[in-house]
Structure formats: C-alpha cells, structure tokens
C-alpha cells in the first residue's frame, strides 16, 4: 500500500510545482517521510530505500547497456 502512496506522491509532485518545491526543502529521508505524511501520503522510510535501490539498479543497467553499445561501434 505505501509503495502506491510513494508513486502517487511522485506523480503529484511532477504535476504540482508547489508540492515539488515543498519536497525539495527536505534534507533527509526522515524529513521527506515526515513532510509526505503531513501532506496526507502514507510513505515509509522503507519505500524511499527501495526506490533509491531500484533507481540505482536502473542507472547501472542503463550504463551497462550504453557501454555495450559503445563497444559495438
């Protein structure tokens, strides 16, 4: 359930510049979780950690693909 909330928070922040601006002021994951909860999103620290890990894996996969494509030419 909370992963859905994190996705909803990101979607809303992409659509609403004021929300995105408010979230940019957060300096740590706990601060971001607290801000999200105050705004009505049920986000957890675990959600943020999972999202960061997934993002890192996607970046590594993209870099690997780019390196492979570069070697082909």
PDB file of N, CA and C in Angstrom:
ATOM      1  N   UNK A   1       0.819  -1.198   0.000  1.00  0.00           N
ATOM      2  CA  UNK A   1       0.000   0.000   0.000  1.00  0.00           C
ATOM      3  C   UNK A   1       0.858   1.256   0.000  1.00  0.00           C
ATOM      4  N   UNK A   2       1.903   1.282   0.782  1.00  0.00           N
ATOM      5  CA  UNK A   2       2.691   2.505   0.876  1.00  0.00           C
ATOM      6  C   UNK A   2       3.513   2.755  -0.390  1.00  0.00           C
ATOM      7  N   UNK A   3       3.881   1.689  -1.128  1.00  0.00           N
ATOM      8  CA  UNK A   3       4.605   1.890  -2.393  1.00  0.00           C
ATOM      9  C   UNK A   3       3.716   2.661  -3.360  1.00  0.00           C
ATOM     10  N   UNK A   4       2.429   2.314  -3.379  1.00  0.00           N
ATOM     11  CA  UNK A   4       1.464   3.041  -4.193  1.00  0.00           C
ATOM     12  C   UNK A   4       1.429   4.512  -3.774  1.00  0.00           C
ATOM     13  N   UNK A   5       1.499   4.768  -2.483  1.00  0.00           N
ATOM     14  CA  UNK A   5       1.491   6.131  -1.979  1.00  0.00           C
ATOM     15  C   UNK A   5       2.725   6.896  -2.445  1.00  0.00           C
ATOM     16  N   UNK A   6       3.864   6.241  -2.463  1.00  0.00           N
ATOM     17  CA  UNK A   6       5.081   6.893  -2.945  1.00  0.00           C
ATOM     18  C   UNK A   6       4.943   7.243  -4.423  1.00  0.00           C
ATOM     19  N   UNK A   7       4.409   6.324  -5.204  1.00  0.00           N
ATOM     20  CA  UNK A   7       4.189   6.604  -6.628  1.00  0.00           C
ATOM     21  C   UNK A   7       3.210   7.763  -6.802  1.00  0.00           C
ATOM     22  N   UNK A   8       2.175   7.804  -5.991  1.00  0.00           N
ATOM     23  CA  UNK A   8       1.192   8.886  -6.051  1.00  0.00           C
ATOM     24  C   UNK A   8       1.850  10.224  -5.682  1.00  0.00           C
ATOM     25  N   UNK A   9       2.703  10.206  -4.671  1.00  0.00           N
ATOM     26  CA  UNK A   9       3.422  11.417  -4.268  1.00  0.00           C
ATOM     27  C   UNK A   9       4.301  11.929  -5.413  1.00  0.00           C
ATOM     28  N   UNK A  10       5.029  11.041  -6.038  1.00  0.00           N
ATOM     29  CA  UNK A  10       5.903  11.444  -7.153  1.00  0.00           C
ATOM     30  C   UNK A  10       5.069  11.988  -8.306  1.00  0.00           C
ATOM     31  N   UNK A  11       3.992  11.293  -8.666  1.00  0.00           N
ATOM     32  CA  UNK A  11       3.123  11.773  -9.749  1.00  0.00           C
ATOM     33  C   UNK A  11       2.558  13.156  -9.436  1.00  0.00           C
ATOM     34  N   UNK A  12       2.088  13.323  -8.205  1.00  0.00           N
ATOM     35  CA  UNK A  12       1.528  14.617  -7.819  1.00  0.00           C
ATOM     36  C   UNK A  12       2.589  15.708  -7.827  1.00  0.00           C
ATOM     37  N   UNK A  13       3.788  15.396  -7.362  1.00  0.00           N
ATOM     38  CA  UNK A  13       4.872  16.387  -7.347  1.00  0.00           C
ATOM     39  C   UNK A  13       5.274  16.780  -8.766  1.00  0.00           C
ATOM     40  N   UNK A  14       5.185  15.840  -9.697  1.00  0.00           N
ATOM     41  CA  UNK A  14       5.503  16.167 -11.090  1.00  0.00           C
ATOM     42  C   UNK A  14       4.440  17.075 -11.707  1.00  0.00           C
ATOM     43  N   UNK A  15       3.219  16.982 -11.225  1.00  0.00           N
ATOM     44  CA  UNK A  15       2.114  17.794 -11.758  1.00  0.00           C
ATOM     45  C   UNK A  15       1.970  19.128 -11.036  1.00  0.00           C
ATOM     46  N   UNK A  16       2.393  19.171  -9.776  1.00  0.00           N
ATOM     47  CA  UNK A  16       2.174  20.365  -8.945  1.00  0.00           C
ATOM     48  C   UNK A  16       3.511  20.965  -8.509  1.00  0.00           C
ATOM     49  N   UNK A  17       3.940  22.031  -9.166  1.00  0.00           N
ATOM     50  CA  UNK A  17       5.229  22.646  -8.839  1.00  0.00           C
ATOM     51  C   UNK A  17       5.354  23.063  -7.371  1.00  0.00           C
ATOM     52  N   UNK A  18       4.257  23.492  -6.757  1.00  0.00           N
ATOM     53  CA  UNK A  18       4.327  23.917  -5.353  1.00  0.00           C
ATOM     54  C   UNK A  18       4.645  22.730  -4.443  1.00  0.00           C
ATOM     55  N   UNK A  19       4.080  21.579  -4.746  1.00  0.00           N
ATOM     56  CA  UNK A  19       4.369  20.373  -3.963  1.00  0.00           C
ATOM     57  C   UNK A  19       5.828  19.970  -4.160  1.00  0.00           C
ATOM     58  N   UNK A  20       6.279  19.995  -5.390  1.00  0.00           N
ATOM     59  CA  UNK A  20       7.672  19.643  -5.674  1.00  0.00           C
ATOM     60  C   UNK A  20       8.622  20.586  -4.932  1.00  0.00           C
ATOM     61  N   UNK A  21       8.301  21.861  -4.939  1.00  0.00           N
ATOM     62  CA  UNK A  21       9.142  22.840  -4.246  1.00  0.00           C
ATOM     63  C   UNK A  21       9.183  22.564  -2.749  1.00  0.00           C
ATOM     64  N   UNK A  22       8.040  22.239  -2.177  1.00  0.00           N
ATOM     65  CA  UNK A  22       7.986  21.946  -0.742  1.00  0.00           C
ATOM     66  C   UNK A  22       8.833  20.725  -0.405  1.00  0.00           C
ATOM     67  N   UNK A  23       8.808  19.723  -1.263  1.00  0.00           N
ATOM     68  CA  UNK A  23       9.565  18.499  -1.005  1.00  0.00           C
ATOM     69  C   UNK A  23      11.069  18.701  -1.209  1.00  0.00           C
ATOM     70  N   UNK A  24      11.445  19.631  -2.076  1.00  0.00           N
ATOM     71  CA  UNK A  24      12.865  19.903  -2.323  1.00  0.00           C
ATOM     72  C   UNK A  24      13.568  20.445  -1.094  1.00  0.00           C
ATOM     73  N   UNK A  25      12.811  21.034  -0.190  1.00  0.00           N
ATOM     74  CA  UNK A  25      13.406  21.597   1.018  1.00  0.00           C
ATOM     75  C   UNK A  25      13.803  20.522   2.025  1.00  0.00           C
ATOM     76  N   UNK A  26      13.358  19.300   1.819  1.00  0.00           N
ATOM     77  CA  UNK A  26      13.695  18.209   2.742  1.00  0.00           C
ATOM     78  C   UNK A  26      15.164  17.848   2.561  1.00  0.00           C
ATOM     79  N   UNK A  27      15.873  17.706   3.670  1.00  0.00           N
ATOM     80  CA  UNK A  27      17.314  17.455   3.620  1.00  0.00           C
ATOM     81  C   UNK A  27      17.680  16.012   3.927  1.00  0.00           C
ATOM     82  N   UNK A  28      16.699  15.207   4.317  1.00  0.00           N
ATOM     83  CA  UNK A  28      16.979  13.816   4.663  1.00  0.00           C
ATOM     84  C   UNK A  28      15.739  12.969   4.390  1.00  0.00           C
ATOM     85  N   UNK A  29      15.939  11.667   4.342  1.00  0.00           N
ATOM     86  CA  UNK A  29      14.805  10.776   4.135  1.00  0.00           C
ATOM     87  C   UNK A  29      13.771  10.889   5.252  1.00  0.00           C
ATOM     88  N   UNK A  30      14.197  10.924   6.522  1.00  0.00           N
ATOM     89  CA  UNK A  30      13.183  11.077   7.579  1.00  0.00           C
ATOM     90  C   UNK A  30      12.377  12.373   7.438  1.00  0.00           C
ATOM     91  N   UNK A  31      13.049  13.435   7.031  1.00  0.00           N
ATOM     92  CA  UNK A  31      12.349  14.708   6.835  1.00  0.00           C
ATOM     93  C   UNK A  31      11.364  14.603   5.671  1.00  0.00           C
ATOM     94  N   UNK A  32      11.761  13.909   4.604  1.00  0.00           N
ATOM     95  CA  UNK A  32      10.883  13.711   3.451  1.00  0.00           C
ATOM     96  C   UNK A  32       9.667  12.867   3.829  1.00  0.00           C
ATOM     97  N   UNK A  33       9.886  11.799   4.598  1.00  0.00           N
ATOM     98  CA  UNK A  33       8.779  10.956   5.050  1.00  0.00           C
ATOM     99  C   UNK A  33       7.815  11.777   5.892  1.00  0.00           C
ATOM    100  N   UNK A  34       8.346  12.566   6.802  1.00  0.00           N
ATOM    101  CA  UNK A  34       7.509  13.386   7.663  1.00  0.00           C
ATOM    102  C   UNK A  34       6.699  14.394   6.843  1.00  0.00           C
ATOM    103  N   UNK A  35       7.343  15.057   5.900  1.00  0.00           N
ATOM    104  CA  UNK A  35       6.642  16.026   5.050  1.00  0.00           C
ATOM    105  C   UNK A  35       5.544  15.340   4.243  1.00  0.00           C
ATOM    106  N   UNK A  36       5.854  14.184   3.692  1.00  0.00           N
ATOM    107  CA  UNK A  36       4.859  13.448   2.905  1.00  0.00           C
ATOM    108  C   UNK A  36       3.671  13.055   3.773  1.00  0.00           C
ATOM    109  N   UNK A  37       3.944  12.592   4.960  1.00  0.00           N
ATOM    110  CA  UNK A  37       2.858  12.205   5.868  1.00  0.00           C
ATOM    111  C   UNK A  37       2.007  13.399   6.248  1.00  0.00           C
ATOM    112  N   UNK A  38       2.635  14.521   6.484  1.00  0.00           N
ATOM    113  CA  UNK A  38       1.871  15.735   6.815  1.00  0.00           C
ATOM    114  C   UNK A  38       0.986  16.174   5.654  1.00  0.00           C
ATOM    115  N   UNK A  39       1.413  15.839   4.443  1.00  0.00           N
ATOM    116  CA  UNK A  39       0.626  16.174   3.252  1.00  0.00           C
ATOM    117  C   UNK A  39      -0.425  15.111   2.924  1.00  0.00           C
ATOM    118  N   UNK A  40      -0.473  14.047   3.734  1.00  0.00           N
ATOM    119  CA  UNK A  40      -1.502  13.031   3.552  1.00  0.00           C
ATOM    120  C   UNK A  40      -1.078  11.790   2.798  1.00  0.00           C
ATOM    121  N   UNK A  41       0.221  11.622   2.560  1.00  0.00           N
ATOM    122  CA  UNK A  41       0.738  10.443   1.859  1.00  0.00           C
ATOM    123  C   UNK A  41       1.302   9.471   2.893  1.00  0.00           C
ATOM    124  N   UNK A  42       0.930   8.221   2.783  1.00  0.00           N
ATOM    125  CA  UNK A  42       1.415   7.221   3.746  1.00  0.00           C
ATOM    126  C   UNK A  42       2.674   6.553   3.192  1.00  0.00           C
ATOM    127  N   UNK A  43       3.762   7.276   3.246  1.00  0.00           N
ATOM    128  CA  UNK A  43       5.054   6.835   2.728  1.00  0.00           C
ATOM    129  C   UNK A  43       5.919   6.390   3.902  1.00  0.00           C
ATOM    130  N   UNK A  44       6.753   5.372   3.672  1.00  0.00           N
ATOM    131  CA  UNK A  44       7.644   4.889   4.723  1.00  0.00           C
ATOM    132  C   UNK A  44       9.107   5.053   4.305  1.00  0.00           C
ATOM    133  N   UNK A  45       9.959   4.978   5.280  1.00  0.00           N
ATOM    134  CA  UNK A  45      11.407   5.012   5.028  1.00  0.00           C
ATOM    135  C   UNK A  45      11.801   3.865   4.115  1.00  0.00           C
ATOM    136  N   UNK A  46      11.196   2.702   4.336  1.00  0.00           N
ATOM    137  CA  UNK A  46      11.485   1.531   3.505  1.00  0.00           C
ATOM    138  C   UNK A  46      11.147   1.806   2.038  1.00  0.00           C
ATOM    139  N   UNK A  47      10.046   2.495   1.783  1.00  0.00           N
ATOM    140  CA  UNK A  47       9.671   2.844   0.409  1.00  0.00           C
ATOM    141  C   UNK A  47      10.771   3.664  -0.261  1.00  0.00           C
ATOM    142  N   UNK A  48      11.282   4.649   0.479  1.00  0.00           N
ATOM    143  CA  UNK A  48      12.336   5.502  -0.079  1.00  0.00           C
ATOM    144  C   UNK A  48      13.610   4.710  -0.340  1.00  0.00           C
ATOM    145  N   UNK A  49      13.960   3.820   0.580  1.00  0.00           N
ATOM    146  CA  UNK A  49      15.153   2.996   0.397  1.00  0.00           C
ATOM    147  C   UNK A  49      14.998   2.078  -0.813  1.00  0.00           C
ATOM    148  N   UNK A  50      13.823   1.476  -0.954  1.00  0.00           N
ATOM    149  CA  UNK A  50      13.567   0.595  -2.100  1.00  0.00           C
ATOM    150  C   UNK A  50      13.610   1.383  -3.407  1.00  0.00           C
ATOM    151  N   UNK A  51      13.028   2.571  -3.408  1.00  0.00           N
ATOM    152  CA  UNK A  51      13.029   3.405  -4.608  1.00  0.00           C
ATOM    153  C   UNK A  51      14.445   3.810  -4.994  1.00  0.00           C
ATOM    154  N   UNK A  52      15.257   4.165  -3.998  1.00  0.00           N
ATOM    155  CA  UNK A  52      16.651   4.540  -4.272  1.00  0.00           C
ATOM    156  C   UNK A  52      17.425   3.350  -4.835  1.00  0.00           C
ATOM    157  N   UNK A  53      17.196   2.173  -4.263  1.00  0.00           N
ATOM    158  CA  UNK A  53      17.877   0.979  -4.744  1.00  0.00           C
ATOM    159  C   UNK A  53      17.449   0.645  -6.175  1.00  0.00           C
ATOM    160  N   UNK A  54      16.165   0.741  -6.439  1.00  0.00           N
ATOM    161  CA  UNK A  54      15.657   0.465  -7.779  1.00  0.00           C
ATOM    162  C   UNK A  54      16.225   1.464  -8.780  1.00  0.00           C
ATOM    163  N   UNK A  55      16.270   2.730  -8.401  1.00  0.00           N
ATOM    164  CA  UNK A  55      16.818   3.771  -9.277  1.00  0.00           C
ATOM    165  C   UNK A  55      18.292   3.492  -9.584  1.00  0.00           C
ATOM    166  N   UNK A  56      19.044   3.124  -8.565  1.00  0.00           N
ATOM    167  CA  UNK A  56      20.467   2.820  -8.752  1.00  0.00           C
ATOM    168  C   UNK A  56      20.653   1.635  -9.697  1.00  0.00           C
ATOM    169  N   UNK A  57      19.852   0.593  -9.518  1.00  0.00           N
ATOM    170  CA  UNK A  57      19.947  -0.579 -10.395  1.00  0.00           C
ATOM    171  C   UNK A  57      19.602  -0.222 -11.833  1.00  0.00           C
ATOM    172  N   UNK A  58      18.585   0.621 -12.011  1.00  0.00           N
ATOM    173  CA  UNK A  58      18.204   1.036 -13.358  1.00  0.00           C
ATOM    174  C   UNK A  58      19.313   1.856 -14.007  1.00  0.00           C
ATOM    175  N   UNK A  59      19.962   2.720 -13.234  1.00  0.00           N
ATOM    176  CA  UNK A  59      21.071   3.517 -13.762  1.00  0.00           C
ATOM    177  C   UNK A  59      22.235   2.616 -14.163  1.00  0.00           C
ATOM    178  N   UNK A  60      22.547   1.628 -13.333  1.00  0.00           N
ATOM    179  CA  UNK A  60      23.639   0.710 -13.642  1.00  0.00           C
ATOM    180  C   UNK A  60      23.322  -0.106 -14.881  1.00  0.00           C
ATOM    181  N   UNK A  61      22.084  -0.536 -15.023  1.00  0.00           N
ATOM    182  CA  UNK A  61      21.683  -1.295 -16.206  1.00  0.00           C
ATOM    183  C   UNK A  61      21.789  -0.430 -17.454  1.00  0.00           C
ATOM    184  N   UNK A  62      21.373   0.827 -17.354  1.00  0.00           N
ATOM    185  CA  UNK A  62      21.464   1.740 -18.486  1.00  0.00           C
ATOM    186  C   UNK A  62      22.922   1.997 -18.854  1.00  0.00           C
ATOM    187  N   UNK A  63      23.774   2.197 -17.849  1.00  0.00           N
ATOM    188  CA  UNK A  63      25.192   2.420 -18.113  1.00  0.00           C
ATOM    189  C   UNK A  63      25.803   1.198 -18.763  1.00  0.00           C
ATOM    190  N   UNK A  64      25.450   0.034 -18.276  1.00  0.00           N
ATOM    191  CA  UNK A  64      25.950  -1.209 -18.848  1.00  0.00           C
ATOM    192  C   UNK A  64      25.529  -1.338 -20.312  1.00  0.00           C
ATOM    193  N   UNK A  65      24.273  -1.002 -20.585  1.00  0.00           N
ATOM    194  CA  UNK A  65      23.772  -1.067 -21.960  1.00  0.00           C
ATOM    195  C   UNK A  65      24.502  -0.066 -22.844  1.00  0.00           C
ATOM    196  N   UNK A  66      24.718   1.145 -22.310  1.00  0.00           N
ATOM    197  CA  UNK A  66      25.434   2.166 -23.079  1.00  0.00           C
ATOM    198  C   UNK A  66      26.874   1.730 -23.345  1.00  0.00           C
ATOM    199  N   UNK A  67      27.544   1.145 -22.348  1.00  0.00           N
ATOM    200  CA  UNK A  67      28.903   0.657 -22.533  1.00  0.00           C
ATOM    201  C   UNK A  67      28.945  -0.442 -23.595  1.00  0.00           C
ATOM    202  N   UNK A  68      27.963  -1.318 -23.569  1.00  0.00           N
ATOM    203  CA  UNK A  68      27.898  -2.399 -24.552  1.00  0.00           C
ATOM    204  C   UNK A  68      27.716  -1.836 -25.952  1.00  0.00           C
ATOM    205  N   UNK A  69      26.798  -0.879 -26.102  1.00  0.00           N
ATOM    206  CA  UNK A  69      26.549  -0.270 -27.401  1.00  0.00           C
ATOM    207  C   UNK A  69      27.782   0.472 -27.905  1.00  0.00           C
ATOM    208  N   UNK A  70      28.514   1.115 -27.006  1.00  0.00           N
ATOM    209  CA  UNK A  70      29.708   1.854 -27.375  1.00  0.00           C
ATOM    210  C   UNK A  70      30.768   0.891 -27.915  1.00  0.00           C
ATOM    211  N   UNK A  71      30.913  -0.272 -27.269  1.00  0.00           N
ATOM    212  CA  UNK A  71      31.920  -1.241 -27.710  1.00  0.00           C
ATOM    213  C   UNK A  71      31.590  -1.858 -29.059  1.00  0.00           C
ATOM    214  N   UNK A  72      30.309  -1.852 -29.428  1.00  0.00           N
ATOM    215  CA  UNK A  72      29.920  -2.459 -30.708  1.00  0.00           C
ATOM    216  C   UNK A  72      30.377  -1.627 -31.886  1.00  0.00           C
ATOM    217  N   UNK A  73      30.620  -0.337 -31.677  1.00  0.00           N
ATOM    218  CA  UNK A  73      30.970   0.532 -32.800  1.00  0.00           C
ATOM    219  C   UNK A  73      32.403   0.899 -32.798  1.00  0.00           C
TER     220      UNK A  73
END
